[in-house]
C-alpha cells in the first residue's frame, strides 16, 4: 500500500512538471495571435450587440465626382504691374489697395527733368526737319537744273532722312510716357506726365509714396481685372484618366457656403513633383467681387461607370488612411485592409484594394466603425480584448 501511494504522488508530480513546462508556449502563441497587427476579435455577445453584417464586393454603376482643392486665379494678361520706362518722382496719386480703376484713367502723375528734355528734343528735331524739308526741295530744283553738284543734294537728302528717323523715335518715346504729341506740337511742354491705367480692375498693390524717386521699370502699382477669374484645380495623378474637357465642376469658396459652377477648359500636360496636375476651369457665372488667391474645394463630375463598390458605411478612417474590415478563417476574427475610395452615390462607395484578396472574401458592411473603435481601445490598453 505504501508503495502505491509513492507511485501516485510521483506520477502527479511529473504531470504537474509537464504542464508547467507547456504553459509558457500556449501563452506565447495566444499573445502572438492576440497582438496580430490590424486585427480585432469579438465575443458572441459583442457580435450580437453591434449587429455586425458582412457582404461581398459588388459592381455598382456610380455617377462619380473627383474631390479636389484649388484656388481662384486670373490669366497673366489680366494681372498687370504698372511702371514707367524713364525713372521719375511720384508727385501725386490717390490710389489705395482695393480701389477700382477704369481703363484709361489717370491714376498718378510723375515729374523729372528728363521728361522736359525729351519734349524739348522732339520740338527741336521737328523744327530742324522742317528746315531740311525746305532745303531738300531747293537742292532738288538746283540739282535738276545742274546748278549745284549732285553730291550736295544727296547729302541734304541723307540728313533729312536721319532727322525723320530721330523724330519718329522721339515720338514713340513720348507715347510710351503718355505724352500727347498733338498737344506738344501746339507748344505746351508738360512739367508732369500722367500714369494711365492700361486695364480696368482693382488695385492690389501700391509700391511707391508721393515724393519717392521710382527707377525705370520699377513697379508703381499692380492692378487685377477680376472679371476673368478662373478656378485653378490641383488634381492627383491617379484621377487624370477621369478628366475630360467640358466636364462640369461644382465648387465652394473657403469663405462661403454657396455652391458655384464651372467648366473644365484646359488640362495641364505636366505632372508636378507632388504627382499632381493643374486643371484650368472657366466660371459659368463671373463675379468681379471674388478675390484672386481665394482657396476653394471642388467636385469634378466624371460621369457614370460600373465599378467595384461597398456600402459607404463599410469604409473607416484611421491615421488619415481609408480601410475596410474582412473576415478571417478564425470565427469572429476580423482584419483591417487599406483601400482607396472613388465615386460615391446612392449609399455606395467605389473601392480599390491596396492588396489582392481571394475571390469570395467577405467584407464587414455593418459595424465597421465599432470594430475600429474596439481595436483602438485594445491598442491603448496594450493588448487584445474579448
Protein backbone atom coordinates (compact mmCIF):
# COMPACT_ATOMS: atom_id res chain seq x y z
CA UNK A 1 0.00 0.00 0.00
CA UNK A 2 2.76 2.37 0.92
CA UNK A 3 4.43 1.68 -2.40
CA UNK A 4 1.24 2.50 -4.33
CA UNK A 5 0.95 5.88 -2.57
CA UNK A 6 4.52 6.75 -3.50
CA UNK A 7 3.86 5.84 -7.17
CA UNK A 8 0.71 8.01 -7.31
CA UNK A 9 2.49 11.03 -5.77
CA UNK A 10 5.38 10.66 -8.19
CA UNK A 11 3.01 10.50 -11.19
CA UNK A 12 1.17 13.63 -10.07
CA UNK A 13 4.44 15.49 -9.63
CA UNK A 14 5.65 14.51 -13.08
CA UNK A 15 2.30 15.56 -14.59
CA UNK A 16 2.49 18.94 -12.89
CA UNK A 17 6.01 19.48 -14.11
CA UNK A 18 4.94 18.63 -17.66
CA UNK A 19 2.02 21.06 -17.60
CA UNK A 20 4.19 23.78 -16.10
CA UNK A 21 6.66 23.43 -18.96
CA UNK A 22 3.98 23.71 -21.66
CA UNK A 23 2.10 26.72 -20.23
CA UNK A 24 4.52 29.42 -21.48
CA UNK A 25 4.28 28.09 -25.05
CA UNK A 26 0.49 28.24 -25.00
CA UNK A 27 0.53 31.75 -23.53
CA UNK A 28 3.08 32.91 -26.12
CA UNK A 29 1.02 31.59 -29.02
CA UNK A 30 -2.11 33.21 -27.66
CA UNK A 31 -0.33 36.52 -27.20
CA UNK A 32 1.06 36.40 -30.72
CA UNK A 33 -2.42 35.70 -32.06
CA UNK A 34 -3.92 38.45 -29.94
CA UNK A 35 -1.43 41.11 -30.94
CA UNK A 36 -1.51 40.49 -34.69
CA UNK A 37 -1.42 43.93 -36.30
CA UNK A 38 -4.64 45.35 -37.71
CA UNK A 39 -6.93 42.67 -36.32
CA UNK A 40 -9.78 42.58 -33.85
CA UNK A 41 -11.76 39.70 -32.30
CA UNK A 42 -15.29 39.81 -30.92
CA UNK A 43 -17.11 37.74 -28.39
CA UNK A 44 -20.52 36.31 -29.22
CA UNK A 45 -22.14 38.96 -27.05
CA UNK A 46 -20.25 41.81 -28.77
CA UNK A 47 -21.14 40.41 -32.19
CA UNK A 48 -24.83 40.43 -31.31
CA UNK A 49 -24.64 43.90 -29.72
CA UNK A 50 -23.22 45.67 -32.76
CA UNK A 51 -25.34 43.58 -35.15
CA UNK A 52 -22.37 43.07 -37.46
CA UNK A 53 -23.10 42.15 -41.08
CA UNK A 54 -20.84 41.07 -43.94
CA UNK A 55 -21.12 41.07 -47.73
CA UNK A 56 -19.03 40.74 -50.88
CA UNK A 57 -17.56 43.42 -53.14
CA UNK A 58 -20.13 44.12 -55.85
CA UNK A 59 -20.33 46.03 -59.12
CA UNK A 60 -22.33 49.27 -58.91
CA UNK A 61 -22.94 51.89 -61.58
CA UNK A 62 -21.93 55.11 -59.89
CA UNK A 63 -22.07 58.66 -61.17
CA UNK A 64 -18.88 59.90 -59.59
CA UNK A 65 -17.01 63.09 -58.86
CA UNK A 66 -13.37 63.77 -58.06
CA UNK A 67 -12.97 65.81 -54.89
CA UNK A 68 -10.09 68.29 -55.28
CA UNK A 69 -8.74 71.55 -53.91
CA UNK A 70 -7.75 74.70 -55.75
CA UNK A 71 -7.88 78.48 -55.80
CA UNK A 72 -9.21 81.39 -57.79
CA UNK A 73 -6.71 82.85 -60.22
CA UNK A 74 -6.54 85.27 -63.13
CA UNK A 75 -4.79 84.92 -66.51
CA UNK A 76 -1.38 86.65 -66.68
CA UNK A 77 -2.73 89.25 -69.11
CA UNK A 78 -5.32 90.31 -66.52
CA UNK A 79 -2.76 90.99 -63.76
CA UNK A 80 -0.58 93.98 -64.63
CA UNK A 81 2.31 95.79 -62.99
CA UNK A 82 2.42 99.48 -63.96
CA UNK A 83 5.81 101.14 -64.34
CA UNK A 84 7.44 103.97 -66.32
CA UNK A 85 10.17 103.41 -68.93
CA UNK A 86 12.03 106.51 -67.69
CA UNK A 87 12.54 107.00 -63.95
CA UNK A 88 10.97 109.91 -62.15
CA UNK A 89 9.47 111.28 -58.94
CA UNK A 90 5.91 110.35 -57.98
CA UNK A 91 4.19 113.71 -57.42
CA UNK A 92 0.55 112.72 -57.00
CA UNK A 93 -1.71 109.68 -56.59
CA UNK A 94 -4.94 108.93 -54.74
CA UNK A 95 -4.71 105.16 -55.11
CA UNK A 96 -5.08 102.75 -52.23
CA UNK A 97 -5.23 98.97 -52.27
CA UNK A 98 -8.75 97.88 -53.11
CA UNK A 99 -9.61 100.90 -55.30
CA UNK A 100 -11.39 100.18 -58.57
CA UNK A 101 -9.88 101.97 -61.58
CA UNK A 102 -11.11 102.25 -65.15
CA UNK A 103 -9.06 101.67 -68.28
CA UNK A 104 -7.57 104.99 -69.48
CA UNK A 105 -7.97 106.70 -66.09
CA UNK A 106 -5.11 108.92 -64.88
CA UNK A 107 -4.02 107.26 -61.62
CA UNK A 108 -0.84 109.23 -60.84
CA UNK A 109 1.49 111.97 -62.09
CA UNK A 110 5.30 111.84 -62.40
CA UNK A 111 7.95 114.57 -62.69
CA UNK A 112 11.58 114.64 -63.78
CA UNK A 113 13.87 116.98 -65.81
CA UNK A 114 14.39 114.14 -68.32
CA UNK A 115 10.72 114.34 -69.26
CA UNK A 116 11.10 118.03 -70.12
CA UNK A 117 14.33 117.35 -72.02
CA UNK A 118 12.60 114.65 -74.09
CA UNK A 119 9.86 117.06 -75.12
CA UNK A 120 12.44 119.75 -75.92
CA UNK A 121 14.42 117.32 -78.11
CA UNK A 122 11.27 116.42 -80.02
CA UNK A 123 10.30 120.03 -80.74
CA UNK A 124 13.85 120.99 -81.77
CA UNK A 125 14.16 117.96 -84.07
CA UNK A 126 10.79 118.77 -85.63
CA UNK A 127 11.93 122.36 -86.31
CA UNK A 128 15.22 121.16 -87.86
CA UNK A 129 13.32 118.71 -90.05
CA UNK A 130 11.03 121.48 -91.27
CA UNK A 131 14.12 123.49 -92.30
CA UNK A 132 15.68 120.50 -94.07
CA UNK A 133 12.44 119.79 -95.91
CA UNK A 134 12.68 123.26 -97.44
CA UNK A 135 16.42 122.81 -98.11
CA UNK A 136 15.72 119.45 -99.76
CA UNK A 137 13.21 120.98 -102.14
CA UNK A 138 15.64 123.79 -103.03
CA UNK A 139 18.55 121.42 -103.64
CA UNK A 140 16.30 119.16 -105.69
CA UNK A 141 15.46 122.03 -108.03
CA UNK A 142 19.10 123.15 -108.31
CA UNK A 143 20.24 119.61 -108.98
CA UNK A 144 17.65 119.21 -111.73
CA UNK A 145 18.98 122.35 -113.44
CA UNK A 146 22.59 121.25 -112.88
CA UNK A 147 23.23 124.41 -110.89
CA UNK A 148 24.61 122.53 -107.86
CA UNK A 149 26.52 119.35 -107.51
CA UNK A 150 24.55 116.11 -107.16
CA UNK A 151 26.62 115.26 -104.10
CA UNK A 152 25.24 118.28 -102.23
CA UNK A 153 21.69 117.18 -102.94
CA UNK A 154 22.40 113.63 -101.73
CA UNK A 155 23.91 114.96 -98.50
CA UNK A 156 20.83 117.08 -97.83
CA UNK A 157 18.61 114.06 -98.52
CA UNK A 158 20.60 111.87 -96.08
CA UNK A 159 20.46 114.48 -93.31
CA UNK A 160 16.74 114.87 -93.86
CA UNK A 161 16.13 111.11 -93.58
CA UNK A 162 18.23 110.93 -90.41
CA UNK A 163 16.14 113.65 -88.79
CA UNK A 164 12.90 111.91 -89.81
CA UNK A 165 14.09 108.73 -88.09
CA UNK A 166 15.14 110.66 -84.98
CA UNK A 167 11.80 112.48 -84.85
CA UNK A 168 9.84 109.23 -85.10
CA UNK A 169 11.93 107.64 -82.34
CA UNK A 170 11.34 110.64 -80.06
CA UNK A 171 7.63 110.48 -80.86
CA UNK A 172 7.43 106.83 -79.79
CA UNK A 173 9.25 107.62 -76.54
CA UNK A 174 6.75 110.38 -75.83
CA UNK A 175 3.86 107.97 -76.45
CA UNK A 176 5.42 105.49 -74.02
CA UNK A 177 5.46 108.30 -71.45
CA UNK A 178 1.75 109.05 -72.10
CA UNK A 179 2.58 112.49 -73.52
CA UNK A 180 0.13 113.62 -76.18
CA UNK A 181 2.23 114.66 -79.21
CA UNK A 182 -0.62 116.76 -80.63
CA UNK A 183 -0.64 118.99 -77.54
CA UNK A 184 3.14 119.17 -77.51
CA UNK A 185 3.21 120.36 -81.12
CA UNK A 186 0.95 123.19 -80.00
CA UNK A 187 3.86 124.42 -77.91
CA UNK A 188 2.74 123.17 -74.47
CA UNK A 189 5.61 121.42 -72.70
CA UNK A 190 4.36 119.29 -69.78
CA UNK A 191 6.13 119.55 -66.43
CA UNK A 192 4.46 116.38 -65.09
CA UNK A 193 3.28 113.40 -67.08
CA UNK A 194 0.28 111.15 -66.40
CA UNK A 195 0.33 107.49 -65.36
CA UNK A 196 -2.63 105.82 -67.06
CA UNK A 197 -4.42 102.58 -66.09
CA UNK A 198 -3.99 100.11 -69.00
CA UNK A 199 -6.92 97.94 -67.86
CA UNK A 200 -9.95 98.20 -65.61
CA UNK A 201 -9.65 96.39 -62.29
CA UNK A 202 -8.83 96.51 -58.62
CA UNK A 203 -5.59 97.96 -57.27
CA UNK A 204 -3.84 95.14 -55.40
CA UNK A 205 -0.51 96.84 -54.62
CA UNK A 206 0.77 100.41 -54.20
CA UNK A 207 4.56 100.26 -54.18
CA UNK A 208 5.51 103.96 -54.03
CA UNK A 209 4.63 107.00 -51.99
CA UNK A 210 4.42 110.62 -53.11
CA UNK A 211 7.87 112.20 -53.38
CA UNK A 212 9.68 108.91 -53.95
CA UNK A 213 12.01 108.50 -56.92
CA UNK A 214 10.94 105.49 -58.93
CA UNK A 215 13.55 103.77 -61.09
CA UNK A 216 12.84 102.84 -64.72
CA UNK A 217 10.54 99.79 -64.96
CA UNK A 218 10.15 99.63 -61.16
CA UNK A 219 6.50 98.62 -60.44
CA UNK A 220 4.44 101.54 -59.16
CA UNK A 221 1.09 99.75 -58.89
CA UNK A 222 -0.45 96.36 -59.56
CA UNK A 223 -3.95 96.03 -60.98
CA UNK A 224 -6.04 92.86 -61.36
CA UNK A 225 -9.04 92.54 -63.65
CA UNK A 226 -11.31 90.20 -61.66
CA UNK A 227 -13.91 89.93 -64.42
CA UNK A 228 -11.98 87.00 -65.90
CA UNK A 229 -11.26 84.91 -62.82
CA UNK A 230 -10.92 81.16 -63.25
CA UNK A 231 -10.68 78.18 -60.93
CA UNK A 232 -7.24 76.55 -60.88
CA UNK A 233 -7.63 72.99 -59.53
CA UNK A 234 -4.96 70.59 -58.27
CA UNK A 235 -5.75 67.02 -59.35
CA UNK A 236 -3.80 63.92 -58.31
CA UNK A 237 -2.15 61.75 -60.95
CA UNK A 238 -4.42 58.75 -60.31
CA UNK A 239 -7.50 60.80 -61.26
CA UNK A 240 -6.12 62.18 -64.54
CA UNK A 241 -7.74 59.49 -66.76
CA UNK A 242 -11.17 60.50 -65.42
CA UNK A 243 -10.81 64.14 -66.52
CA UNK A 244 -12.35 65.49 -69.71
CA UNK A 245 -12.54 68.91 -71.34
CA UNK A 246 -16.05 70.22 -70.78
CA UNK A 247 -16.67 68.33 -67.52
CA UNK A 248 -18.83 70.19 -65.05
CA UNK A 249 -17.32 71.38 -61.77
CA UNK A 250 -19.06 72.30 -58.54
CA UNK A 251 -17.04 74.38 -56.08
CA UNK A 252 -17.29 76.35 -52.86
CA UNK A 253 -15.00 79.16 -51.73
CA UNK A 254 -13.35 78.83 -48.33
CA UNK A 255 -15.17 81.92 -47.06
CA UNK A 256 -18.61 80.97 -48.42
CA UNK A 257 -21.27 78.28 -48.13
CA UNK A 258 -22.71 78.95 -51.59
CA UNK A 259 -22.03 76.38 -54.30
CA UNK A 260 -20.88 77.74 -57.67
CA UNK A 261 -20.27 76.02 -61.01
CA UNK A 262 -17.53 76.00 -63.62
CA UNK A 263 -16.43 74.01 -66.68
CA UNK A 264 -13.09 72.28 -67.32
CA UNK A 265 -11.36 74.31 -70.05
CA UNK A 266 -7.74 73.14 -70.04
CA UNK A 267 -5.95 70.12 -68.53
CA UNK A 268 -2.26 70.53 -67.73
CA UNK A 269 0.30 68.39 -69.53
CA UNK A 270 2.99 68.33 -66.85
CA UNK A 271 2.93 66.37 -63.59
CA UNK A 272 4.41 68.29 -60.65
CA UNK A 273 6.81 66.82 -58.10
CA UNK A 274 3.87 66.07 -55.77
CA UNK A 275 2.26 63.95 -58.55
CA UNK A 276 -0.48 66.45 -59.35
CA UNK A 277 -1.52 68.41 -62.42
CA UNK A 278 -3.20 71.79 -62.87
CA UNK A 279 -6.70 71.98 -64.32
CA UNK A 280 -7.96 75.33 -65.63
CA UNK A 281 -11.74 75.87 -65.29
CA UNK A 282 -13.89 78.75 -66.59
CA UNK A 283 -16.55 80.04 -64.23
CA UNK A 284 -20.11 79.65 -65.54
CA UNK A 285 -21.03 82.95 -63.90
CA UNK A 286 -18.35 85.58 -63.42
CA UNK A 287 -18.31 87.73 -60.30
CA UNK A 288 -15.79 90.59 -60.10
CA UNK A 289 -16.28 90.76 -56.33
CA UNK A 290 -14.42 87.47 -55.88
CA UNK A 291 -10.74 87.78 -54.98
CA UNK A 292 -7.80 86.08 -56.71
CA UNK A 293 -5.98 83.65 -54.44
CA UNK A 294 -9.10 82.55 -52.55
CA UNK A 295 -8.92 78.84 -51.72
CA UNK A 296 -11.74 76.53 -52.77
CA UNK A 297 -12.85 72.91 -52.65
CA UNK A 298 -14.37 71.41 -55.77
CA UNK A 299 -16.00 68.32 -57.22
CA UNK A 300 -15.29 67.43 -60.86
CA UNK A 301 -18.14 65.38 -62.35
CA UNK A 302 -16.81 62.25 -64.09
CA UNK A 303 -19.99 60.58 -65.40
CA UNK A 304 -21.28 57.10 -64.52
CA UNK A 305 -19.38 53.79 -64.72
CA UNK A 306 -19.66 50.24 -63.37
CA UNK A 307 -17.10 49.95 -60.56
CA UNK A 308 -16.39 47.62 -57.58
CA UNK A 309 -18.14 49.11 -54.58
CA UNK A 310 -19.20 48.56 -50.97
CA UNK A 311 -21.77 50.33 -48.81
CA UNK A 312 -20.27 53.62 -47.64
CA UNK A 313 -20.60 52.51 -44.00
CA UNK A 314 -18.01 49.78 -44.66
CA UNK A 315 -15.19 52.34 -45.03
CA UNK A 316 -13.42 53.70 -41.94
CA UNK A 317 -10.66 56.29 -41.50
CA UNK A 318 -7.55 55.79 -39.36
CA UNK A 319 -4.44 57.98 -39.26
CA UNK A 320 -5.51 59.73 -42.47
CA UNK A 321 -5.96 56.48 -44.43
CA UNK A 322 -9.03 54.54 -45.52
CA UNK A 323 -9.71 50.93 -44.51
CA UNK A 324 -12.30 48.15 -44.62
CA UNK A 325 -12.56 45.02 -42.44
CA UNK A 326 -12.60 41.48 -43.87
CA UNK A 327 -13.41 38.18 -42.21
CA UNK A 328 -10.67 35.62 -41.49
CA UNK A 329 -10.54 31.85 -41.05
CA UNK A 330 -10.97 32.29 -37.30
CA UNK A 331 -14.59 32.84 -36.21
CA UNK A 332 -15.43 36.40 -35.09
CA UNK A 333 -11.92 37.47 -36.06
CA UNK A 334 -11.56 40.44 -38.49
CA UNK A 335 -8.62 42.03 -40.29
CA UNK A 336 -8.25 45.64 -41.44
CA UNK A 337 -7.32 46.16 -45.15
CA UNK A 338 -6.30 49.50 -46.68
CA UNK A 339 -8.31 50.80 -49.67
CA UNK A 340 -8.62 53.82 -51.92
CA UNK A 341 -12.09 55.22 -52.44
CA UNK A 342 -13.54 56.87 -55.52
CA UNK A 343 -17.03 57.80 -56.65
CA UNK A 344 -19.89 57.86 -54.15
CA UNK A 345 -23.60 57.66 -54.91
CA UNK A 346 -26.72 56.00 -53.54
CA UNK A 347 -25.05 54.90 -50.32
CA UNK A 348 -22.22 53.05 -52.13
CA UNK A 349 -18.55 53.95 -52.48
CA UNK A 350 -16.10 52.86 -55.18
CA UNK A 351 -13.34 50.67 -53.68
CA UNK A 352 -9.80 49.98 -54.90
CA UNK A 353 -7.99 47.40 -52.73
CA UNK A 354 -4.37 48.01 -51.75
CA UNK A 355 -3.76 44.22 -51.73
CA UNK A 356 -5.15 41.29 -53.66
CA UNK A 357 -7.77 39.27 -51.79
CA UNK A 358 -9.12 35.81 -52.69
CA UNK A 359 -12.45 35.57 -54.54
CA UNK A 360 -15.45 35.42 -52.25
CA UNK A 361 -13.81 37.48 -49.49
CA UNK A 362 -16.43 38.78 -47.07
CA UNK A 363 -16.32 42.44 -46.04
CA UNK A 364 -17.86 43.98 -42.94
CA UNK A 365 -20.64 46.20 -44.30
CA UNK A 366 -22.23 47.00 -40.96
CA UNK A 367 -20.39 47.53 -37.69
CA UNK A 368 -17.03 48.55 -39.21
CA UNK A 369 -16.80 51.69 -37.06
CA UNK A 370 -17.48 49.62 -33.93
CA UNK A 371 -14.66 47.24 -34.91
CA UNK A 372 -12.28 50.18 -35.39
CA UNK A 373 -13.21 51.66 -32.01
CA UNK A 374 -12.66 48.30 -30.28
CA UNK A 375 -9.30 47.84 -31.98
CA UNK A 376 -8.17 51.34 -30.96
CA UNK A 377 -9.24 50.72 -27.35
CA UNK A 378 -7.38 47.42 -27.30
CA UNK A 379 -4.18 49.09 -28.54
CA UNK A 380 -4.44 51.78 -25.87
CA UNK A 381 -4.82 49.06 -23.21
CA UNK A 382 -1.70 47.37 -24.54
CA UNK A 383 -3.39 44.18 -25.53
CA UNK A 384 -6.25 42.38 -27.21
CA UNK A 385 -9.72 42.44 -25.62
CA UNK A 386 -12.55 39.99 -25.98
